[in-house]
Protein backbone atom coordinates (compact mmCIF):
# COMPACT_ATOMS: atom_id res chain seq x y z
CA UNK A 1 18.24 -18.11 7.40
CA UNK A 2 15.57 -16.54 4.90
CA UNK A 3 16.78 -13.65 2.50
CA UNK A 4 15.68 -10.41 2.53
CA UNK A 5 15.93 -8.54 -1.36
CA UNK A 6 13.92 -4.48 -2.49
CA UNK A 7 10.99 -5.28 -4.29
CA UNK A 8 11.74 -3.28 -7.87
CA UNK A 9 9.08 -1.52 -9.39
CA UNK A 10 7.58 -0.51 -12.70
CA UNK A 11 4.70 0.98 -14.46
CA UNK A 12 2.77 -0.74 -16.74
CA UNK A 13 0.89 1.71 -20.02
CA UNK A 14 -2.02 1.15 -18.29
CA UNK A 15 -1.78 2.77 -15.20
CA UNK A 16 0.40 5.50 -17.28
CA UNK A 17 -2.99 5.73 -19.04
CA UNK A 18 -4.96 6.27 -15.48
CA UNK A 19 -2.14 8.91 -14.28
CA UNK A 20 -2.64 11.05 -17.39
CA UNK A 21 -6.79 10.70 -16.70
CA UNK A 22 -6.01 11.65 -13.62
CA UNK A 23 -3.86 14.83 -14.46
CA UNK A 24 -6.77 15.33 -16.97
CA UNK A 25 -9.48 16.11 -14.63
CA UNK A 26 -6.96 17.88 -11.89
CA UNK A 27 -6.55 20.23 -14.83
CA UNK A 28 -10.28 20.73 -15.93
CA UNK A 29 -11.24 21.18 -11.99
CA UNK A 30 -7.90 23.89 -11.77
CA UNK A 31 -8.74 25.51 -15.02
CA UNK A 32 -12.70 26.04 -14.19
CA UNK A 33 -11.28 27.50 -10.95
CA UNK A 34 -9.43 29.72 -12.78
CA UNK A 35 -11.99 31.04 -15.35
CA UNK A 36 -14.08 32.00 -11.61
CA UNK A 37 -11.57 33.93 -9.50
CA UNK A 38 -9.80 35.45 -12.66
CA UNK A 39 -9.36 37.71 -15.59
CA UNK A 40 -8.75 35.12 -19.12
CA UNK A 41 -7.98 36.03 -22.81
CA UNK A 42 -11.32 35.15 -24.52
CA UNK A 43 -8.68 33.43 -26.18
CA UNK A 44 -7.26 31.07 -23.63
CA UNK A 45 -11.21 30.12 -22.26
CA UNK A 46 -12.30 29.70 -25.54
CA UNK A 47 -9.09 27.06 -25.92
CA UNK A 48 -9.48 25.37 -22.68
CA UNK A 49 -13.53 25.10 -22.89
CA UNK A 50 -12.47 22.74 -25.91
CA UNK A 51 -10.86 19.54 -23.68
CA UNK A 52 -13.92 20.66 -20.79
CA UNK A 53 -14.29 17.45 -21.92
CA UNK A 54 -14.04 13.64 -21.13
CA UNK A 55 -9.70 12.00 -21.22
CA UNK A 56 -11.09 9.42 -23.74
CA UNK A 57 -13.10 11.91 -26.21
CA UNK A 58 -9.35 13.95 -25.94
CA UNK A 59 -6.83 14.39 -28.89
CA UNK A 60 -4.09 11.95 -29.15
CA UNK A 61 -1.95 15.51 -28.53
CA UNK A 62 -3.77 16.24 -25.56
CA UNK A 63 -2.97 13.12 -24.44
CA UNK A 64 0.24 12.69 -25.39
CA UNK A 65 -0.02 16.30 -22.34
CA UNK A 66 -1.51 14.97 -19.89
CA UNK A 67 1.61 11.41 -19.87
CA UNK A 68 4.31 13.73 -20.37
CA UNK A 69 3.11 14.84 -16.71
CA UNK A 70 2.74 11.24 -16.11
CA UNK A 71 6.47 10.09 -17.22
CA UNK A 72 7.36 12.93 -14.74
CA UNK A 73 5.31 11.29 -11.98
CA UNK A 74 6.63 8.07 -12.94
CA UNK A 75 9.81 8.91 -12.56
CA UNK A 76 9.48 10.95 -8.93
CA UNK A 77 7.80 7.64 -7.11
CA UNK A 78 10.88 5.27 -9.12
CA UNK A 79 13.23 7.64 -7.27
CA UNK A 80 11.12 8.42 -3.95
CA UNK A 81 10.23 4.40 -3.85
CA UNK A 82 7.22 5.81 -1.78
CA UNK A 83 9.54 7.86 0.51
CA UNK A 84 5.83 10.20 1.15
CA UNK A 85 4.28 7.49 2.42
CA UNK A 86 6.93 7.12 4.67
CA UNK A 87 6.05 10.24 6.30
CA UNK A 88 2.86 9.41 6.66
CA UNK A 89 0.34 7.89 9.72
CA UNK A 90 -1.49 4.70 9.20
CA UNK A 91 -3.55 3.86 11.13
CA UNK A 92 -5.36 0.10 11.50
CA UNK A 93 -8.26 -1.40 14.25
CA UNK A 94 -6.30 -4.01 16.57
CA UNK A 95 -8.68 -7.90 16.52
CA UNK A 96 -8.31 -10.75 17.77
CA UNK A 97 -9.66 -13.85 16.21
CA UNK A 98 -11.12 -16.85 18.43
CA UNK A 99 -7.66 -18.80 18.67
CA UNK A 100 -6.12 -15.60 20.53
CA UNK A 101 -4.25 -14.16 16.73
CA UNK A 102 -4.21 -10.68 17.59
CA UNK A 103 -3.46 -8.25 15.06
CA UNK A 104 -3.99 -4.72 13.40
CA UNK A 105 -6.87 -5.29 10.98
CA UNK A 106 -6.18 -2.53 7.72
CA UNK A 107 -7.36 -0.99 4.85
CA UNK A 108 -7.09 -3.33 1.75
CA UNK A 109 -6.11 -0.60 -0.96
CA UNK A 110 -2.40 -0.60 0.40
CA UNK A 111 -1.85 -4.93 -1.44
CA UNK A 112 -3.36 -3.13 -4.39
CA UNK A 113 -1.85 -0.49 -4.67
CA UNK A 114 1.21 -1.62 -4.50
CA UNK A 115 0.26 -4.41 -6.39
CA UNK A 116 -0.27 -2.37 -9.27
CA UNK A 117 3.76 -1.12 -9.27
CA UNK A 118 5.68 -4.40 -8.77
CA UNK A 119 8.14 -5.74 -11.41
CA UNK A 120 7.25 -9.64 -11.74
CA UNK A 121 4.99 -11.33 -13.33
CA UNK A 122 2.03 -13.59 -11.26
CA UNK A 123 1.83 -12.15 -8.72
CA UNK A 124 -1.05 -12.84 -6.65
CA UNK A 125 -2.92 -11.17 -3.92
CA UNK A 126 -1.92 -12.90 -0.22
CA UNK A 127 -4.82 -15.88 0.45
CA UNK A 128 -5.43 -14.08 3.33
CA UNK A 129 -8.23 -17.15 3.21
CA UNK A 130 -6.01 -19.34 4.43
CA UNK A 131 -5.50 -20.98 7.93
CA UNK A 132 -1.88 -20.07 6.67
CA UNK A 133 -3.01 -16.05 6.76
CA UNK A 134 -5.17 -16.25 9.70
CA UNK A 135 -8.32 -16.12 7.79
CA UNK A 136 -8.40 -13.19 8.22
CA UNK A 137 -7.61 -9.86 5.33
CA UNK A 138 -4.73 -7.43 5.30
CA UNK A 139 -3.33 -7.38 8.49
CA UNK A 140 -0.23 -6.51 10.59
CA UNK A 141 0.35 -9.60 12.48
CA UNK A 142 1.05 -8.75 16.65
CA UNK A 143 0.61 -11.14 19.08
CA UNK A 144 1.06 -15.27 17.62
CA UNK A 145 -1.95 -17.53 18.69
CA UNK A 146 1.70 -19.57 20.49
CA UNK A 147 2.95 -16.68 21.65
CA UNK A 148 -0.75 -15.58 23.37
CA UNK A 149 -1.29 -19.28 25.07
CA UNK A 150 2.32 -20.18 26.55
CA UNK A 151 2.49 -15.84 27.71
CA UNK A 152 -1.09 -17.10 29.43
CA UNK A 153 -2.35 -13.83 28.75
CA UNK A 154 -5.67 -13.33 29.22
CA UNK A 155 -7.18 -10.48 27.52
CA UNK A 156 -5.89 -7.34 25.70
CA UNK A 157 -7.89 -4.63 26.97
CA UNK A 158 -7.12 -2.53 23.79
CA UNK A 159 -9.43 -4.65 21.59
CA UNK A 160 -10.73 -2.62 19.15
CA UNK A 161 -8.79 0.40 19.95
CA UNK A 162 -6.60 2.26 16.53
CA UNK A 163 -3.15 2.26 15.95
CA UNK A 164 -0.82 4.45 13.90
CA UNK A 165 1.70 2.98 11.75
CA UNK A 166 4.61 4.56 9.33
CA UNK A 167 5.59 2.14 5.45
CA UNK A 168 9.39 1.51 5.22
CA UNK A 169 9.97 0.26 2.56
CA UNK A 170 9.38 -3.03 0.17
CA UNK A 171 10.83 -6.83 0.15
CA UNK A 172 10.55 -9.71 -0.87
CA UNK A 173 11.96 -13.00 0.57
CA UNK A 174 11.83 -16.86 -0.56
CA UNK A 175 10.31 -18.43 2.04
CA UNK A 176 11.32 -22.03 3.43
CA UNK A 177 8.55 -24.14 4.19
CA UNK A 178 6.22 -23.18 2.02
CA UNK A 179 6.67 -25.34 -0.49
CA UNK A 180 3.77 -23.88 -3.16
CA UNK A 181 4.77 -20.40 -3.06
CA UNK A 182 8.02 -18.82 -4.57
CA UNK A 183 8.36 -15.81 -3.36
CA UNK A 184 6.61 -13.25 -1.11
CA UNK A 185 6.30 -9.78 -1.00
CA UNK A 186 6.00 -7.77 2.00
CA UNK A 187 6.06 -3.75 3.54
CA UNK A 188 7.94 -3.59 6.36
CA UNK A 189 6.08 -1.49 8.84
CA UNK A 190 7.95 0.94 11.40
CA UNK A 191 5.11 0.75 15.04
CA UNK A 192 6.12 2.02 17.49
CA UNK A 193 3.11 1.52 19.82
CA UNK A 194 2.76 -2.29 18.62
CA UNK A 195 5.93 -2.11 19.98
CA UNK A 196 4.97 -0.81 22.86
CA UNK A 197 2.01 -2.89 23.18
CA UNK A 198 4.04 -6.08 22.93
CA UNK A 199 6.20 -4.69 25.53
CA UNK A 200 3.28 -4.23 28.68
CA UNK A 201 2.25 -8.41 28.03
CA UNK A 202 5.65 -9.02 28.80
CA UNK A 203 6.41 -10.12 24.75
CA UNK A 204 9.40 -9.37 23.44
CA UNK A 205 9.90 -6.53 21.19
CA UNK A 206 9.03 -7.66 18.01
CA UNK A 207 6.89 -11.19 16.50
CA UNK A 208 9.11 -14.21 16.45
CA UNK A 209 11.98 -11.75 15.86
CA UNK A 210 9.87 -10.27 12.54
CA UNK A 211 9.79 -6.28 11.99
CA UNK A 212 6.07 -5.74 11.89
CA UNK A 213 4.98 -5.98 8.03
CA UNK A 214 2.68 -6.34 5.69
CA UNK A 215 2.27 -9.58 3.00
CA UNK A 216 1.43 -8.02 -0.31
CA UNK A 217 1.69 -10.34 -2.99
CA UNK A 218 2.98 -13.94 -3.43
CA UNK A 219 4.67 -15.95 -5.73
CA UNK A 220 3.25 -19.59 -6.44
CA UNK A 221 6.02 -21.82 -7.83
C-alpha cells in the first residue's frame, strides 16, 4: 500500500526577490495612475517619481519596503496553501496517444510554479519523455492503455474538447515498483467532467482507483 503524505512548502530568497520585484512593478503602475487622476502634492509626486526606476536600481532601503510586502505574501501562501487556486477552474484539452492512452493535456506552467516552493532538495521535473510517462508533457491521466483495450473502446468522440478541473492539494508518495525514484510529488485534482467521461464509456469512476492527479516532481534515489 502506498503512503500518501501532504507535501511541505518553502519560499527561498530568489522567490522572495521575485515577489518583491513584482510588488515594485505593481506599485509603479498604481502610482502613475494615481498621479494622472488625482490631485497629489508636489512633494509626494517628486518622492514617488524618484522610485520610477527598475527594481535593481532601487536603494536597499526601498527594496526592504518591498520585501516586507513580499513576506506578507509569503505568509498568505504558507497559510492558505493554494486555497486561492481551489476556487479557480483550470482547463485542459483531451488527447490520445497512438497506443490509446487518453489524457488531459495541461500547461507545464503548473509544474514550474509548484516545483519552486517545494520543501525538498533534489526535486526534478517528471521525465515526461520516458515511456513510463507515456511520452507526453504535463497531463492528467484519464483512460489507461489497458483499460482502453480491455473495454474494447473503439473511439473517444470527445478528443480535442476542453475539460475543466480544480486543484485540491499537494501530496507525496514513495512509489513501489519504480526502483529509481525515491519520492513522487503530485497535485490531486477535482474533475467531475472527467468522471462523467469515464462513466460514459462504462469505466470506473477513477482510473485504476487513483484520484485524478498531476505529477509535478520526482526525487531520485
